């Protein structure tokens, strides 16, 4: 199993280890890898080897002292773990809901101008607000596209589906407009930056392996944006079908 430890984590045999090593499995992993997901080990000697070549599982190193030295922790939550990425998507989803409500309020206010179309100043204000609402719709809609595709990827739980869903999310966002395409690219670039860090420092990939993985992901992202731009009204699932893995349910 490829992983990295610092000097403090290398505990002498017979000494006290403050670390727990937890096997983490990516969405869509094979059954053998999924069976190991969440298993904990008290020493590096216990950690099994990778199940197969190109395995993307990794070891999460947890310092138990961080749990026990916090006076606010009690016996019931000392070992509690959070899925921070899921929490982040939930928070963003809530923000989107608030943003959509704001759009409705703005549009309701705009309708008050309808009976005053003769006022050129009010017409300019209305045009400005209409443009702002459209921009909000593209931004919130595109982020929502990425959330939905991420949730679909987790639900599908199919090996090799990540590039399909990421490409599809880029396509969905781009079909919303130029701002949607820019937001899609920004989200994708940020994801690749964080994934590169995780690949090297958590999964133990070499820089060459990480760069190759990132390049392939970005090609899929760019392909999705290109297809969305050239085919505004077609289904993105069909447009990025070349990335569809075997075994993925047709509903996706």
Protein backbone atom coordinates (compact mmCIF):
# COMPACT_ATOMS: atom_id res chain seq x y z
CA UNK A 1 0.00 0.00 0.00
CA UNK A 2 1.45 3.42 -0.94
CA UNK A 3 1.33 6.04 1.79
CA UNK A 4 3.60 8.62 3.41
CA UNK A 5 4.43 9.05 7.12
CA UNK A 6 6.37 11.75 8.87
CA UNK A 7 8.99 11.07 11.56
CA UNK A 8 6.53 11.46 14.44
CA UNK A 9 4.24 8.81 12.95
CA UNK A 10 7.05 6.23 12.78
CA UNK A 11 6.53 4.73 16.26
CA UNK A 12 9.19 2.35 17.63
CA UNK A 13 8.13 -1.26 18.08
CA UNK A 14 6.90 -1.78 21.63
CA UNK A 15 6.18 1.92 22.05
CA UNK A 16 2.83 3.68 22.22
CA UNK A 17 1.23 4.61 18.90
CA UNK A 18 -1.09 7.61 18.87
CA UNK A 19 -2.07 6.96 15.25
CA UNK A 20 -4.85 5.02 13.60
CA UNK A 21 -4.53 4.13 9.91
CA UNK A 22 -7.86 4.00 8.05
CA UNK A 23 -8.32 2.52 4.58
CA UNK A 24 -10.27 4.94 2.35
CA UNK A 25 -11.96 3.83 -0.88
CA UNK A 26 -12.96 6.15 -3.73
CA UNK A 27 -16.53 6.11 -5.19
CA UNK A 28 -16.89 3.48 -7.91
CA UNK A 29 -14.12 1.23 -6.55
CA UNK A 30 -14.17 -2.53 -7.09
CA UNK A 31 -15.84 -4.87 -4.59
CA UNK A 32 -12.50 -5.96 -3.12
CA UNK A 33 -11.54 -2.35 -2.36
CA UNK A 34 -15.01 -1.52 -1.05
CA UNK A 35 -14.73 -4.40 1.41
CA UNK A 36 -11.68 -2.68 2.92
CA UNK A 37 -13.24 0.79 3.11
CA UNK A 38 -13.14 2.14 6.66
CA UNK A 39 -11.05 -0.69 8.12
CA UNK A 40 -8.66 0.56 10.81
CA UNK A 41 -5.13 -0.50 11.67
CA UNK A 42 -3.00 0.36 14.69
CA UNK A 43 0.37 -0.02 12.96
CA UNK A 44 1.75 0.29 9.45
CA UNK A 45 2.69 -3.40 9.46
CA UNK A 46 -1.00 -4.33 9.53
CA UNK A 47 -1.92 -2.35 6.41
CA UNK A 48 -2.54 -4.72 3.47
CA UNK A 49 -1.03 -4.22 0.03
CA UNK A 50 -3.03 -2.63 -2.78
CA UNK A 51 -5.66 -5.00 -4.11
CA UNK A 52 -4.80 -4.49 -7.80
CA UNK A 53 -2.70 -2.27 -10.11
CA UNK A 54 -3.81 1.38 -10.43
CA UNK A 55 -5.71 1.11 -7.16
CA UNK A 56 -6.76 4.61 -6.02
CA UNK A 57 -7.44 3.68 -2.40
CA UNK A 58 -5.40 5.53 0.20
CA UNK A 59 -4.60 5.50 3.91
CA UNK A 60 -6.01 8.22 6.15
CA UNK A 61 -3.64 8.78 9.11
CA UNK A 62 -5.52 9.96 12.22
CA UNK A 63 -3.74 11.36 15.27
CA UNK A 64 -5.82 10.17 18.21
CA UNK A 65 -4.26 12.79 20.48
CA UNK A 66 -6.16 15.43 18.53
CA UNK A 67 -9.35 13.76 19.75
CA UNK A 68 -8.41 13.06 23.35
CA UNK A 69 -6.66 16.36 24.08
CA UNK A 70 -9.71 18.43 23.20
CA UNK A 71 -11.61 19.08 26.48
CA UNK A 72 -14.83 19.71 24.55
CA UNK A 73 -14.90 16.11 23.23
CA UNK A 74 -16.84 13.49 25.19
CA UNK A 75 -16.75 9.69 25.09
CA UNK A 76 -19.37 9.55 22.35
CA UNK A 77 -17.62 11.74 19.81
CA UNK A 78 -13.91 11.13 20.34
CA UNK A 79 -13.65 8.88 17.31
CA UNK A 80 -16.28 10.59 15.20
CA UNK A 81 -15.23 11.19 11.59
CA UNK A 82 -16.78 13.65 9.15
CA UNK A 83 -17.13 13.44 5.41
CA UNK A 84 -16.10 17.03 4.78
CA UNK A 85 -16.74 16.96 1.04
CA UNK A 86 -20.35 15.87 1.57
CA UNK A 87 -20.76 18.59 4.20
CA UNK A 88 -19.39 21.17 1.77
CA UNK A 89 -21.83 20.16 -0.98
CA UNK A 90 -24.73 20.32 1.52
CA UNK A 91 -23.70 23.84 2.54
CA UNK A 92 -23.43 24.94 -1.10
CA UNK A 93 -26.81 23.35 -1.87
CA UNK A 94 -28.37 25.42 0.92
CA UNK A 95 -26.76 28.58 -0.47
CA UNK A 96 -28.16 27.77 -3.91
CA UNK A 97 -31.63 27.44 -2.42
CA UNK A 98 -31.30 30.87 -0.85
CA UNK A 99 -30.01 32.27 -4.13
CA UNK A 100 -32.94 30.90 -6.09
CA UNK A 101 -35.33 32.46 -3.58
CA UNK A 102 -33.52 35.75 -4.08
CA UNK A 103 -34.02 35.44 -7.83
CA UNK A 104 -37.77 35.01 -7.33
CA UNK A 105 -37.90 38.11 -5.12
CA UNK A 106 -35.94 40.16 -7.65
CA UNK A 107 -38.15 39.05 -10.52
CA UNK A 108 -41.26 39.91 -8.50
CA UNK A 109 -39.86 43.40 -7.93
CA UNK A 110 -39.04 43.73 -11.64
CA UNK A 111 -42.66 43.00 -12.55
CA UNK A 112 -43.66 46.21 -10.74
CA UNK A 113 -41.93 48.14 -13.51
CA UNK A 114 -44.02 46.57 -16.25
CA UNK A 115 -46.73 49.22 -16.09
CA UNK A 116 -44.15 52.01 -16.29
CA UNK A 117 -42.37 51.03 -19.51
CA UNK A 118 -42.49 54.60 -20.76
CA UNK A 119 -39.90 55.67 -18.24
CA UNK A 120 -36.53 55.17 -19.95
CA UNK A 121 -34.64 55.21 -16.66
CA UNK A 122 -36.80 52.47 -15.18
CA UNK A 123 -36.32 50.45 -18.36
CA UNK A 124 -32.56 50.68 -17.95
CA UNK A 125 -32.85 49.54 -14.34
CA UNK A 126 -35.05 46.65 -15.41
CA UNK A 127 -32.55 45.57 -18.08
CA UNK A 128 -29.74 45.72 -15.53
CA UNK A 129 -31.69 43.61 -13.03
CA UNK A 130 -32.70 41.10 -15.72
CA UNK A 131 -29.03 40.67 -16.65
CA UNK A 132 -28.05 40.24 -12.99
CA UNK A 133 -30.73 37.60 -12.48
CA UNK A 134 -29.53 35.71 -15.56
CA UNK A 135 -25.96 35.76 -14.22
CA UNK A 136 -27.15 34.45 -10.86
CA UNK A 137 -29.10 31.72 -12.60
CA UNK A 138 -26.00 30.60 -14.52
CA UNK A 139 -23.77 30.62 -11.43
CA UNK A 140 -26.16 28.84 -9.07
CA UNK A 141 -27.34 26.50 -11.81
CA UNK A 142 -23.82 25.41 -12.73
CA UNK A 143 -22.81 24.74 -9.13
CA UNK A 144 -26.04 22.78 -8.78
CA UNK A 145 -25.08 20.74 -11.87
CA UNK A 146 -21.80 19.74 -10.23
CA UNK A 147 -23.55 18.81 -6.98
CA UNK A 148 -26.11 16.68 -8.81
CA UNK A 149 -23.47 14.88 -10.86
CA UNK A 150 -21.37 14.26 -7.75
CA UNK A 151 -24.37 12.77 -5.98
CA UNK A 152 -25.20 10.66 -9.05
CA UNK A 153 -21.61 9.40 -9.17
CA UNK A 154 -21.80 8.29 -5.54
CA UNK A 155 -25.18 6.68 -6.06
CA UNK A 156 -24.09 4.88 -9.25
CA UNK A 157 -21.01 3.49 -7.47
CA UNK A 158 -19.58 2.25 -10.78
CA UNK A 159 -15.88 1.68 -11.48
CA UNK A 160 -14.42 4.27 -13.88
CA UNK A 161 -17.46 6.59 -13.79
CA UNK A 162 -15.68 9.68 -12.43
CA UNK A 163 -14.58 11.09 -15.82
CA UNK A 164 -18.08 10.57 -17.25
CA UNK A 165 -19.81 12.52 -14.48
CA UNK A 166 -17.18 15.27 -14.39
CA UNK A 167 -17.38 15.70 -18.16
CA UNK A 168 -21.17 15.73 -17.98
CA UNK A 169 -21.17 18.39 -15.23
CA UNK A 170 -18.98 20.62 -17.41
CA UNK A 171 -21.34 20.09 -20.32
CA UNK A 172 -24.42 20.88 -18.22
CA UNK A 173 -22.89 24.10 -16.89
CA UNK A 174 -21.69 25.27 -20.30
CA UNK A 175 -25.16 24.87 -21.81
CA UNK A 176 -26.34 27.53 -19.36
CA UNK A 177 -24.19 30.22 -20.98
CA UNK A 178 -20.71 31.75 -21.06
CA UNK A 179 -20.71 32.47 -17.33
CA UNK A 180 -21.80 28.89 -16.66
CA UNK A 181 -18.86 27.64 -18.73
CA UNK A 182 -16.46 29.87 -16.78
CA UNK A 183 -17.82 28.62 -13.45
CA UNK A 184 -17.55 25.00 -14.65
CA UNK A 185 -13.92 25.51 -15.64
CA UNK A 186 -13.15 27.17 -12.31
CA UNK A 187 -14.68 24.33 -10.29
CA UNK A 188 -12.85 21.73 -12.40
CA UNK A 189 -9.49 23.49 -12.10
CA UNK A 190 -9.88 23.79 -8.33
CA UNK A 191 -10.78 20.11 -8.07
CA UNK A 192 -7.70 19.08 -10.06
CA UNK A 193 -5.48 21.26 -7.88
CA UNK A 194 -6.76 19.65 -4.68
CA UNK A 195 -6.69 16.17 -6.25
CA UNK A 196 -3.04 16.62 -7.25
CA UNK A 197 -2.15 17.39 -3.64
CA UNK A 198 -4.13 14.36 -2.42
CA UNK A 199 -2.61 12.08 -5.08
CA UNK A 200 0.96 12.88 -4.03
CA UNK A 201 0.77 13.46 -0.29
CA UNK A 202 -2.05 11.08 0.68
CA UNK A 203 -2.30 8.40 -1.99
CA UNK A 204 1.46 8.25 -2.51
CA UNK A 205 1.47 8.74 -6.30
CA UNK A 206 4.57 10.00 -8.02
CA UNK A 207 4.44 13.46 -9.60
CA UNK A 208 4.42 11.84 -13.06
CA UNK A 209 1.49 9.58 -12.14
CA UNK A 210 -0.41 12.51 -10.64
CA UNK A 211 0.20 14.73 -13.69
CA UNK A 212 -1.01 11.96 -16.03
CA UNK A 213 -4.15 11.46 -13.96
CA UNK A 214 -4.84 15.21 -13.87
CA UNK A 215 -4.26 15.61 -17.62
CA UNK A 216 -6.77 12.86 -18.42
CA UNK A 217 -9.34 14.42 -16.07
CA UNK A 218 -8.89 17.86 -17.63
CA UNK A 219 -9.28 16.41 -21.13
CA UNK A 220 -12.63 14.97 -20.06
CA UNK A 221 -13.63 18.31 -18.49
CA UNK A 222 -12.70 20.27 -21.63
CA UNK A 223 -14.51 17.77 -23.84
CA UNK A 224 -17.68 18.25 -21.80
CA UNK A 225 -17.48 22.04 -22.11
CA UNK A 226 -16.84 21.80 -25.86
CA UNK A 227 -19.82 19.51 -26.39
CA UNK A 228 -22.05 21.74 -24.27
CA UNK A 229 -21.06 24.83 -26.25
CA UNK A 230 -21.62 23.20 -29.64
CA UNK A 231 -24.85 21.37 -28.70
CA UNK A 232 -26.88 23.66 -26.45
CA UNK A 233 -30.09 21.65 -26.46
CA UNK A 234 -28.88 18.04 -26.55
CA UNK A 235 -28.65 15.72 -23.55
CA UNK A 236 -25.19 15.94 -22.00
CA UNK A 237 -25.27 12.28 -21.03
CA UNK A 238 -25.40 11.43 -24.74
CA UNK A 239 -22.84 14.08 -25.68
CA UNK A 240 -20.12 12.69 -23.37
CA UNK A 241 -21.08 9.05 -23.93
CA UNK A 242 -17.51 8.12 -24.88
CA UNK A 243 -16.62 8.39 -21.17
CA UNK A 244 -19.52 6.18 -20.06
CA UNK A 245 -18.08 3.10 -18.31
CA UNK A 246 -19.40 -0.41 -18.72
CA UNK A 247 -22.09 -1.27 -16.20
CA UNK A 248 -23.33 2.28 -15.59
CA UNK A 249 -27.13 2.39 -15.25
CA UNK A 250 -28.89 3.90 -18.29
CA UNK A 251 -30.74 6.37 -16.03
CA UNK A 252 -27.49 8.32 -15.75
